[in-house]
Protein backbone atom coordinates (compact mmCIF):
# COMPACT_ATOMS: atom_id res chain seq x y z
CA UNK A 1 0.00 0.00 0.00
CA UNK A 2 2.78 2.39 -1.03
CA UNK A 3 1.92 6.07 -1.26
CA UNK A 4 5.50 7.40 -1.68
CA UNK A 5 8.35 5.40 -3.23
CA UNK A 6 10.96 7.90 -2.05
CA UNK A 7 10.11 8.01 1.65
CA UNK A 8 9.91 5.74 4.66
CA UNK A 9 6.88 5.17 6.82
CA UNK A 10 7.12 7.59 9.74
CA UNK A 11 6.70 4.81 12.30
CA UNK A 12 9.87 3.15 10.87
CA UNK A 13 12.01 6.20 11.57
CA UNK A 14 13.63 8.94 9.53
CA UNK A 15 15.90 8.74 6.51
CA UNK A 16 18.76 9.74 8.81
CA UNK A 17 17.91 6.79 11.07
CA UNK A 18 17.79 4.45 8.08
CA UNK A 19 21.11 5.67 6.68
CA UNK A 20 22.72 5.17 10.10
CA UNK A 21 21.22 1.68 10.42
CA UNK A 22 22.60 0.64 7.00
CA UNK A 23 26.03 2.05 7.86
CA UNK A 24 26.06 0.28 11.25
CA UNK A 25 24.92 -2.98 9.64
CA UNK A 26 27.68 -2.75 7.04
CA UNK A 27 30.25 -2.10 9.79
CA UNK A 28 29.20 -5.45 11.28
CA UNK A 29 29.26 -7.33 7.98
CA UNK A 30 25.48 -7.38 7.64
CA UNK A 31 23.82 -6.65 4.31
CA UNK A 32 20.52 -4.77 4.19
CA UNK A 33 17.67 -5.69 1.85
CA UNK A 34 14.58 -3.56 1.32
CA UNK A 35 11.12 -4.86 0.63
CA UNK A 36 9.92 -3.06 -2.51
CA UNK A 37 6.46 -3.14 -4.13
CA UNK A 38 6.62 -1.90 -7.74
CA UNK A 39 3.62 -3.79 -9.13
CA UNK A 40 0.97 -1.63 -7.50
CA UNK A 41 0.59 1.31 -5.18
CA UNK A 42 -1.95 2.50 -2.69
CA UNK A 43 -5.08 4.06 -4.13
CA UNK A 44 -3.97 7.00 -1.96
CA UNK A 45 -0.78 7.50 -3.97
CA UNK A 46 -0.82 11.12 -5.26
CA UNK A 47 -0.63 9.95 -8.90
CA UNK A 48 -3.67 7.71 -8.50
CA UNK A 49 -5.54 10.46 -6.67
CA UNK A 50 -4.75 12.91 -9.48
CA UNK A 51 -5.82 10.43 -12.16
CA UNK A 52 -9.08 9.76 -10.30
CA UNK A 53 -9.80 13.47 -10.01
CA UNK A 54 -8.85 14.62 -13.53
CA UNK A 55 -9.17 11.49 -15.66
CA UNK A 56 -7.60 11.81 -19.10
CA UNK A 57 -6.57 15.42 -18.31
CA UNK A 58 -4.18 14.15 -15.63
CA UNK A 59 -0.50 13.82 -16.57
CA UNK A 60 -0.68 10.54 -14.63
CA UNK A 61 -3.46 9.12 -16.79
CA UNK A 62 -2.03 5.88 -18.11
CA UNK A 63 0.31 5.54 -15.13
CA UNK A 64 -1.99 2.80 -13.89
CA UNK A 65 -3.01 -0.31 -15.79
CA UNK A 66 -6.54 0.16 -17.16
CA UNK A 67 -8.96 -2.63 -17.96
CA UNK A 68 -9.54 -2.45 -21.75
CA UNK A 69 -13.22 -3.34 -21.35
CA UNK A 70 -14.34 -0.75 -18.83
CA UNK A 71 -11.41 1.72 -18.59
CA UNK A 72 -11.12 1.30 -14.83
CA UNK A 73 -7.80 0.47 -13.17
CA UNK A 74 -6.88 -3.18 -12.75
CA UNK A 75 -6.10 -4.19 -9.21
CA UNK A 76 -3.82 -6.57 -7.40
CA UNK A 77 -6.08 -9.55 -6.66
CA UNK A 78 -9.20 -7.37 -6.93
CA UNK A 79 -8.19 -5.27 -3.94
CA UNK A 80 -9.51 -1.88 -5.04
CA UNK A 81 -7.10 -0.05 -2.78
CA UNK A 82 -4.10 -1.52 -4.68
CA UNK A 83 -4.18 -0.37 -8.34
CA UNK A 84 -1.62 -1.97 -10.69
CA UNK A 85 0.96 0.19 -12.41
CA UNK A 86 1.07 0.25 -16.21
CA UNK A 87 4.50 -1.09 -17.14
CA UNK A 88 3.80 -0.47 -20.82
CA UNK A 89 4.14 3.23 -20.00
CA UNK A 90 7.81 4.34 -20.30
CA UNK A 91 7.25 6.92 -17.54
CA UNK A 92 6.19 4.18 -15.11
CA UNK A 93 9.27 2.11 -15.92
CA UNK A 94 11.52 5.16 -15.50
CA UNK A 95 9.83 6.17 -12.24
CA UNK A 96 10.13 2.69 -10.71
CA UNK A 97 13.73 2.23 -11.78
CA UNK A 98 14.57 5.66 -10.34
CA UNK A 99 12.87 4.73 -7.07
CA UNK A 100 14.89 1.51 -6.74
CA UNK A 101 18.11 3.33 -7.70
CA UNK A 102 17.44 6.08 -5.15
CA UNK A 103 17.69 3.65 -2.22
CA UNK A 104 20.93 2.20 -3.56
CA UNK A 105 22.57 5.55 -4.29
CA UNK A 106 21.41 7.48 -1.24
CA UNK A 107 21.37 4.75 1.41
CA UNK A 108 23.69 2.04 0.02
CA UNK A 109 21.13 -0.75 0.41
CA UNK A 110 22.41 -4.14 -0.67
CA UNK A 111 19.38 -5.49 -2.45
CA UNK A 112 15.65 -5.80 -2.76
CA UNK A 113 12.96 -8.35 -2.14
CA UNK A 114 10.65 -7.45 -5.03
CA UNK A 115 6.98 -8.01 -4.25
CA UNK A 116 4.77 -9.38 -7.06
CA UNK A 117 7.63 -9.61 -9.56
CA UNK A 118 5.49 -12.16 -11.38
CA UNK A 119 2.71 -9.58 -11.91
CA UNK A 120 4.98 -7.20 -13.80
CA UNK A 121 6.32 -10.07 -15.86
CA UNK A 122 2.76 -10.93 -16.92
CA UNK A 123 2.16 -7.40 -18.17
CA UNK A 124 5.64 -6.43 -19.44
CA UNK A 125 8.34 -9.14 -19.34
CA UNK A 126 10.90 -6.82 -20.95
CA UNK A 127 11.04 -4.57 -17.90
CA UNK A 128 13.09 -6.81 -15.58
CA UNK A 129 16.22 -7.16 -17.77
CA UNK A 130 16.35 -3.36 -18.30
CA UNK A 131 15.86 -2.78 -14.58
CA UNK A 132 18.61 -5.24 -13.66
CA UNK A 133 21.14 -3.63 -16.01
CA UNK A 134 20.53 -0.22 -14.45
CA UNK A 135 20.72 -1.38 -10.84
CA UNK A 136 23.75 -3.64 -11.33
CA UNK A 137 25.52 -0.76 -13.07
CA UNK A 138 25.15 1.22 -9.83
CA UNK A 139 26.06 -1.63 -7.47
CA UNK A 140 27.21 -4.86 -9.15
CA UNK A 141 26.82 -7.07 -6.06
CA UNK A 142 23.23 -5.99 -5.36
CA UNK A 143 20.97 -8.95 -4.47
CA UNK A 144 17.72 -9.00 -6.45
CA UNK A 145 15.16 -11.42 -4.98
CA UNK A 146 11.87 -12.00 -6.79
CA UNK A 147 8.58 -12.95 -5.28
CA UNK A 148 8.03 -15.28 -8.20
CA UNK A 149 8.24 -18.95 -9.04
CA UNK A 150 11.66 -20.35 -8.24
CA UNK A 151 10.72 -23.11 -10.70
CA UNK A 152 10.65 -20.66 -13.63
CA UNK A 153 14.03 -20.00 -15.28
CA UNK A 154 12.79 -16.65 -16.64
CA UNK A 155 13.48 -14.92 -13.32
CA UNK A 156 17.10 -16.10 -13.27
CA UNK A 157 17.84 -15.29 -16.91
CA UNK A 158 15.86 -12.05 -17.13
CA UNK A 159 16.63 -10.04 -14.04
CA UNK A 160 16.92 -11.71 -10.66
CA UNK A 161 19.55 -13.50 -8.59
CA UNK A 162 16.99 -15.59 -6.72
CA UNK A 163 13.28 -16.29 -6.43
CA UNK A 164 11.44 -17.84 -3.54
CA UNK A 165 7.80 -18.60 -4.34
CA UNK A 166 7.46 -22.29 -5.09
CA UNK A 167 3.69 -22.49 -4.78
CA UNK A 168 1.34 -23.31 -7.63
CA UNK A 169 -0.59 -20.08 -7.05
CA UNK A 170 1.74 -17.11 -7.34
CA UNK A 171 0.92 -14.30 -5.01
CA UNK A 172 -0.36 -16.52 -2.24
CA UNK A 173 1.86 -16.55 0.76
CA UNK A 174 4.76 -18.88 -0.08
CA UNK A 175 5.24 -19.79 3.57
CA UNK A 176 1.55 -20.49 4.21
CA UNK A 177 1.98 -24.11 5.24
CA UNK A 178 5.66 -24.05 6.13
CA UNK A 179 5.04 -24.63 9.81
CA UNK A 180 2.19 -27.12 9.49
CA UNK A 181 3.64 -30.39 10.75
CA UNK A 182 1.43 -33.44 10.74
CA UNK A 183 1.09 -35.04 14.15
CA UNK A 184 3.00 -38.22 13.30
CA UNK A 185 4.60 -38.79 16.64
CA UNK A 186 2.52 -39.14 19.72
CA UNK A 187 4.22 -39.04 23.06
CA UNK A 188 2.80 -40.59 26.12
CA UNK A 189 3.54 -38.70 29.27
CA UNK A 190 3.60 -40.55 32.58
C-alpha atoms as a PDB file:
ATOM      1  CA  UNK A   1       0.000   0.000   0.000  1.00  0.00           C
ATOM      2  CA  UNK A   2       2.776   2.393  -1.028  1.00  0.00           C
ATOM      3  CA  UNK A   3       1.920   6.068  -1.261  1.00  0.00           C
ATOM      4  CA  UNK A   4       5.495   7.403  -1.681  1.00  0.00           C
ATOM      5  CA  UNK A   5       8.352   5.403  -3.226  1.00  0.00           C
ATOM      6  CA  UNK A   6      10.961   7.898  -2.047  1.00  0.00           C
ATOM      7  CA  UNK A   7      10.113   8.009   1.652  1.00  0.00           C
ATOM      8  CA  UNK A   8       9.912   5.740   4.661  1.00  0.00           C
ATOM      9  CA  UNK A   9       6.880   5.172   6.822  1.00  0.00           C
ATOM     10  CA  UNK A  10       7.123   7.593   9.743  1.00  0.00           C
ATOM     11  CA  UNK A  11       6.702   4.810  12.297  1.00  0.00           C
ATOM     12  CA  UNK A  12       9.866   3.151  10.874  1.00  0.00           C
ATOM     13  CA  UNK A  13      12.014   6.199  11.568  1.00  0.00           C
ATOM     14  CA  UNK A  14      13.632   8.943   9.532  1.00  0.00           C
ATOM     15  CA  UNK A  15      15.899   8.738   6.511  1.00  0.00           C
ATOM     16  CA  UNK A  16      18.756   9.742   8.813  1.00  0.00           C
ATOM     17  CA  UNK A  17      17.909   6.785  11.069  1.00  0.00           C
ATOM     18  CA  UNK A  18      17.791   4.451   8.079  1.00  0.00           C
ATOM     19  CA  UNK A  19      21.113   5.671   6.684  1.00  0.00           C
ATOM     20  CA  UNK A  20      22.717   5.174  10.101  1.00  0.00           C
ATOM     21  CA  UNK A  21      21.220   1.682  10.423  1.00  0.00           C
ATOM     22  CA  UNK A  22      22.600   0.639   7.000  1.00  0.00           C
ATOM     23  CA  UNK A  23      26.031   2.050   7.864  1.00  0.00           C
ATOM     24  CA  UNK A  24      26.062   0.281  11.246  1.00  0.00           C
ATOM     25  CA  UNK A  25      24.923  -2.982   9.638  1.00  0.00           C
ATOM     26  CA  UNK A  26      27.682  -2.755   7.038  1.00  0.00           C
ATOM     27  CA  UNK A  27      30.254  -2.100   9.786  1.00  0.00           C
ATOM     28  CA  UNK A  28      29.197  -5.446  11.276  1.00  0.00           C
ATOM     29  CA  UNK A  29      29.261  -7.328   7.977  1.00  0.00           C
ATOM     30  CA  UNK A  30      25.481  -7.376   7.641  1.00  0.00           C
ATOM     31  CA  UNK A  31      23.824  -6.651   4.307  1.00  0.00           C
ATOM     32  CA  UNK A  32      20.517  -4.767   4.186  1.00  0.00           C
ATOM     33  CA  UNK A  33      17.673  -5.687   1.845  1.00  0.00           C
ATOM     34  CA  UNK A  34      14.579  -3.556   1.323  1.00  0.00           C
ATOM     35  CA  UNK A  35      11.117  -4.860   0.626  1.00  0.00           C
ATOM     36  CA  UNK A  36       9.915  -3.056  -2.512  1.00  0.00           C
ATOM     37  CA  UNK A  37       6.462  -3.139  -4.126  1.00  0.00           C
ATOM     38  CA  UNK A  38       6.623  -1.904  -7.740  1.00  0.00           C
ATOM     39  CA  UNK A  39       3.616  -3.794  -9.128  1.00  0.00           C
ATOM     40  CA  UNK A  40       0.975  -1.627  -7.498  1.00  0.00           C
ATOM     41  CA  UNK A  41       0.589   1.313  -5.180  1.00  0.00           C
ATOM     42  CA  UNK A  42      -1.952   2.496  -2.686  1.00  0.00           C
ATOM     43  CA  UNK A  43      -5.084   4.064  -4.133  1.00  0.00           C
ATOM     44  CA  UNK A  44      -3.971   7.001  -1.962  1.00  0.00           C
ATOM     45  CA  UNK A  45      -0.783   7.505  -3.972  1.00  0.00           C
ATOM     46  CA  UNK A  46      -0.821  11.123  -5.261  1.00  0.00           C
ATOM     47  CA  UNK A  47      -0.625   9.953  -8.898  1.00  0.00           C
ATOM     48  CA  UNK A  48      -3.674   7.714  -8.502  1.00  0.00           C
ATOM     49  CA  UNK A  49      -5.536  10.459  -6.665  1.00  0.00           C
ATOM     50  CA  UNK A  50      -4.752  12.913  -9.479  1.00  0.00           C
ATOM     51  CA  UNK A  51      -5.818  10.433 -12.162  1.00  0.00           C
ATOM     52  CA  UNK A  52      -9.077   9.759 -10.300  1.00  0.00           C
ATOM     53  CA  UNK A  53      -9.802  13.472 -10.012  1.00  0.00           C
ATOM     54  CA  UNK A  54      -8.851  14.620 -13.528  1.00  0.00           C
ATOM     55  CA  UNK A  55      -9.170  11.489 -15.659  1.00  0.00           C
ATOM     56  CA  UNK A  56      -7.599  11.813 -19.098  1.00  0.00           C
ATOM     57  CA  UNK A  57      -6.572  15.424 -18.313  1.00  0.00           C
ATOM     58  CA  UNK A  58      -4.183  14.146 -15.635  1.00  0.00           C
ATOM     59  CA  UNK A  59      -0.496  13.818 -16.567  1.00  0.00           C
ATOM     60  CA  UNK A  60      -0.680  10.536 -14.628  1.00  0.00           C
ATOM     61  CA  UNK A  61      -3.458   9.119 -16.789  1.00  0.00           C
ATOM     62  CA  UNK A  62      -2.028   5.883 -18.114  1.00  0.00           C
ATOM     63  CA  UNK A  63       0.308   5.537 -15.132  1.00  0.00           C
ATOM     64  CA  UNK A  64      -1.987   2.795 -13.886  1.00  0.00           C
ATOM     65  CA  UNK A  65      -3.011  -0.314 -15.790  1.00  0.00           C
ATOM     66  CA  UNK A  66      -6.537   0.164 -17.161  1.00  0.00           C
ATOM     67  CA  UNK A  67      -8.960  -2.626 -17.961  1.00  0.00           C
ATOM     68  CA  UNK A  68      -9.536  -2.447 -21.748  1.00  0.00           C
ATOM     69  CA  UNK A  69     -13.218  -3.335 -21.353  1.00  0.00           C
ATOM     70  CA  UNK A  70     -14.337  -0.750 -18.826  1.00  0.00           C
ATOM     71  CA  UNK A  71     -11.410   1.716 -18.595  1.00  0.00           C
ATOM     72  CA  UNK A  72     -11.125   1.297 -14.827  1.00  0.00           C
ATOM     73  CA  UNK A  73      -7.799   0.469 -13.170  1.00  0.00           C
ATOM     74  CA  UNK A  74      -6.877  -3.177 -12.754  1.00  0.00           C
ATOM     75  CA  UNK A  75      -6.098  -4.186  -9.207  1.00  0.00           C
ATOM     76  CA  UNK A  76      -3.822  -6.573  -7.398  1.00  0.00           C
ATOM     77  CA  UNK A  77      -6.079  -9.553  -6.657  1.00  0.00           C
ATOM     78  CA  UNK A  78      -9.200  -7.369  -6.932  1.00  0.00           C
ATOM     79  CA  UNK A  79      -8.194  -5.266  -3.943  1.00  0.00           C
ATOM     80  CA  UNK A  80      -9.513  -1.879  -5.038  1.00  0.00           C
ATOM     81  CA  UNK A  81      -7.104  -0.047  -2.775  1.00  0.00           C
ATOM     82  CA  UNK A  82      -4.101  -1.524  -4.685  1.00  0.00           C
ATOM     83  CA  UNK A  83      -4.178  -0.369  -8.341  1.00  0.00           C
ATOM     84  CA  UNK A  84      -1.618  -1.975 -10.686  1.00  0.00           C
ATOM     85  CA  UNK A  85       0.959   0.195 -12.410  1.00  0.00           C
ATOM     86  CA  UNK A  86       1.067   0.252 -16.214  1.00  0.00           C
ATOM     87  CA  UNK A  87       4.505  -1.087 -17.136  1.00  0.00           C
ATOM     88  CA  UNK A  88       3.805  -0.475 -20.818  1.00  0.00           C
ATOM     89  CA  UNK A  89       4.139   3.229 -20.003  1.00  0.00           C
ATOM     90  CA  UNK A  90       7.811   4.345 -20.302  1.00  0.00           C
ATOM     91  CA  UNK A  91       7.253   6.916 -17.538  1.00  0.00           C
ATOM     92  CA  UNK A  92       6.194   4.183 -15.112  1.00  0.00           C
ATOM     93  CA  UNK A  93       9.270   2.114 -15.923  1.00  0.00           C
ATOM     94  CA  UNK A  94      11.521   5.159 -15.498  1.00  0.00           C
ATOM     95  CA  UNK A  95       9.835   6.169 -12.236  1.00  0.00           C
ATOM     96  CA  UNK A  96      10.132   2.693 -10.712  1.00  0.00           C
ATOM     97  CA  UNK A  97      13.734   2.227 -11.778  1.00  0.00           C
ATOM     98  CA  UNK A  98      14.567   5.663 -10.335  1.00  0.00           C
ATOM     99  CA  UNK A  99      12.875   4.726  -7.072  1.00  0.00           C
ATOM    100  CA  UNK A 100      14.895   1.511  -6.742  1.00  0.00           C
ATOM    101  CA  UNK A 101      18.113   3.330  -7.699  1.00  0.00           C
ATOM    102  CA  UNK A 102      17.437   6.085  -5.153  1.00  0.00           C
ATOM    103  CA  UNK A 103      17.688   3.653  -2.216  1.00  0.00           C
ATOM    104  CA  UNK A 104      20.926   2.202  -3.558  1.00  0.00           C
ATOM    105  CA  UNK A 105      22.571   5.545  -4.290  1.00  0.00           C
ATOM    106  CA  UNK A 106      21.407   7.479  -1.236  1.00  0.00           C
ATOM    107  CA  UNK A 107      21.368   4.746   1.407  1.00  0.00           C
ATOM    108  CA  UNK A 108      23.688   2.042   0.024  1.00  0.00           C
ATOM    109  CA  UNK A 109      21.125  -0.755   0.415  1.00  0.00           C
ATOM    110  CA  UNK A 110      22.413  -4.141  -0.674  1.00  0.00           C
ATOM    111  CA  UNK A 111      19.380  -5.494  -2.450  1.00  0.00           C
ATOM    112  CA  UNK A 112      15.653  -5.795  -2.757  1.00  0.00           C
ATOM    113  CA  UNK A 113      12.955  -8.350  -2.145  1.00  0.00           C
ATOM    114  CA  UNK A 114      10.646  -7.450  -5.034  1.00  0.00           C
ATOM    115  CA  UNK A 115       6.981  -8.013  -4.253  1.00  0.00           C
ATOM    116  CA  UNK A 116       4.773  -9.384  -7.055  1.00  0.00           C
ATOM    117  CA  UNK A 117       7.631  -9.609  -9.563  1.00  0.00           C
ATOM    118  CA  UNK A 118       5.489 -12.159 -11.380  1.00  0.00           C
ATOM    119  CA  UNK A 119       2.705  -9.581 -11.908  1.00  0.00           C
ATOM    120  CA  UNK A 120       4.976  -7.200 -13.798  1.00  0.00           C
ATOM    121  CA  UNK A 121       6.319 -10.072 -15.861  1.00  0.00           C
ATOM    122  CA  UNK A 122       2.759 -10.930 -16.920  1.00  0.00           C
ATOM    123  CA  UNK A 123       2.159  -7.397 -18.169  1.00  0.00           C
ATOM    124  CA  UNK A 124       5.637  -6.432 -19.441  1.00  0.00           C
ATOM    125  CA  UNK A 125       8.341  -9.138 -19.339  1.00  0.00           C
ATOM    126  CA  UNK A 126      10.903  -6.816 -20.954  1.00  0.00           C
ATOM    127  CA  UNK A 127      11.043  -4.575 -17.897  1.00  0.00           C
ATOM    128  CA  UNK A 128      13.085  -6.814 -15.585  1.00  0.00           C
ATOM    129  CA  UNK A 129      16.221  -7.160 -17.767  1.00  0.00           C
ATOM    130  CA  UNK A 130      16.346  -3.360 -18.305  1.00  0.00           C
ATOM    131  CA  UNK A 131      15.859  -2.777 -14.582  1.00  0.00           C
ATOM    132  CA  UNK A 132      18.608  -5.243 -13.657  1.00  0.00           C
ATOM    133  CA  UNK A 133      21.136  -3.632 -16.009  1.00  0.00           C
ATOM    134  CA  UNK A 134      20.528  -0.216 -14.452  1.00  0.00           C
ATOM    135  CA  UNK A 135      20.723  -1.378 -10.842  1.00  0.00           C
ATOM    136  CA  UNK A 136      23.746  -3.642 -11.334  1.00  0.00           C
ATOM    137  CA  UNK A 137      25.518  -0.760 -13.074  1.00  0.00           C
ATOM    138  CA  UNK A 138      25.148   1.221  -9.833  1.00  0.00           C
ATOM    139  CA  UNK A 139      26.059  -1.633  -7.471  1.00  0.00           C
ATOM    140  CA  UNK A 140      27.206  -4.862  -9.145  1.00  0.00           C
ATOM    141  CA  UNK A 141      26.818  -7.069  -6.060  1.00  0.00           C
ATOM    142  CA  UNK A 142      23.226  -5.993  -5.362  1.00  0.00           C
ATOM    143  CA  UNK A 143      20.972  -8.951  -4.474  1.00  0.00           C
ATOM    144  CA  UNK A 144      17.719  -9.002  -6.451  1.00  0.00           C
ATOM    145  CA  UNK A 145      15.164 -11.416  -4.976  1.00  0.00           C
ATOM    146  CA  UNK A 146      11.872 -12.003  -6.787  1.00  0.00           C
ATOM    147  CA  UNK A 147       8.575 -12.947  -5.277  1.00  0.00           C
ATOM    148  CA  UNK A 148       8.025 -15.279  -8.199  1.00  0.00           C
ATOM    149  CA  UNK A 149       8.243 -18.948  -9.045  1.00  0.00           C
ATOM    150  CA  UNK A 150      11.656 -20.346  -8.235  1.00  0.00           C
ATOM    151  CA  UNK A 151      10.716 -23.107 -10.697  1.00  0.00           C
ATOM    152  CA  UNK A 152      10.650 -20.661 -13.627  1.00  0.00           C
ATOM    153  CA  UNK A 153      14.031 -20.001 -15.281  1.00  0.00           C
ATOM    154  CA  UNK A 154      12.789 -16.651 -16.636  1.00  0.00           C
ATOM    155  CA  UNK A 155      13.480 -14.924 -13.323  1.00  0.00           C
ATOM    156  CA  UNK A 156      17.097 -16.103 -13.271  1.00  0.00           C
ATOM    157  CA  UNK A 157      17.844 -15.289 -16.905  1.00  0.00           C
ATOM    158  CA  UNK A 158      15.856 -12.054 -17.127  1.00  0.00           C
ATOM    159  CA  UNK A 159      16.628 -10.041 -14.035  1.00  0.00           C
ATOM    160  CA  UNK A 160      16.916 -11.709 -10.656  1.00  0.00           C
ATOM    161  CA  UNK A 161      19.545 -13.496  -8.594  1.00  0.00           C
ATOM    162  CA  UNK A 162      16.994 -15.594  -6.715  1.00  0.00           C
ATOM    163  CA  UNK A 163      13.278 -16.290  -6.434  1.00  0.00           C
ATOM    164  CA  UNK A 164      11.437 -17.841  -3.535  1.00  0.00           C
ATOM    165  CA  UNK A 165       7.802 -18.598  -4.337  1.00  0.00           C
ATOM    166  CA  UNK A 166       7.459 -22.285  -5.086  1.00  0.00           C
ATOM    167  CA  UNK A 167       3.692 -22.490  -4.783  1.00  0.00           C
ATOM    168  CA  UNK A 168       1.342 -23.313  -7.635  1.00  0.00           C
ATOM    169  CA  UNK A 169      -0.592 -20.077  -7.049  1.00  0.00           C
ATOM    170  CA  UNK A 170       1.744 -17.108  -7.341  1.00  0.00           C
ATOM    171  CA  UNK A 171       0.917 -14.297  -5.007  1.00  0.00           C
ATOM    172  CA  UNK A 172      -0.356 -16.520  -2.242  1.00  0.00           C
ATOM    173  CA  UNK A 173       1.859 -16.547   0.762  1.00  0.00           C
ATOM    174  CA  UNK A 174       4.755 -18.885  -0.083  1.00  0.00           C
ATOM    175  CA  UNK A 175       5.237 -19.794   3.573  1.00  0.00           C
ATOM    176  CA  UNK A 176       1.550 -20.486   4.209  1.00  0.00           C
ATOM    177  CA  UNK A 177       1.981 -24.114   5.241  1.00  0.00           C
ATOM    178  CA  UNK A 178       5.664 -24.051   6.132  1.00  0.00           C
ATOM    179  CA  UNK A 179       5.039 -24.631   9.813  1.00  0.00           C
ATOM    180  CA  UNK A 180       2.194 -27.121   9.487  1.00  0.00           C
ATOM    181  CA  UNK A 181       3.643 -30.389  10.747  1.00  0.00           C
ATOM    182  CA  UNK A 182       1.432 -33.444  10.744  1.00  0.00           C
ATOM    183  CA  UNK A 183       1.091 -35.042  14.151  1.00  0.00           C
ATOM    184  CA  UNK A 184       2.999 -38.219  13.298  1.00  0.00           C
ATOM    185  CA  UNK A 185       4.598 -38.791  16.643  1.00  0.00           C
ATOM    186  CA  UNK A 186       2.524 -39.139  19.716  1.00  0.00           C
ATOM    187  CA  UNK A 187       4.217 -39.038  23.056  1.00  0.00           C
ATOM    188  CA  UNK A 188       2.798 -40.589  26.122  1.00  0.00           C
ATOM    189  CA  UNK A 189       3.544 -38.700  29.268  1.00  0.00           C
ATOM    190  CA  UNK A 190       3.603 -40.552  32.581  1.00  0.00           C
END
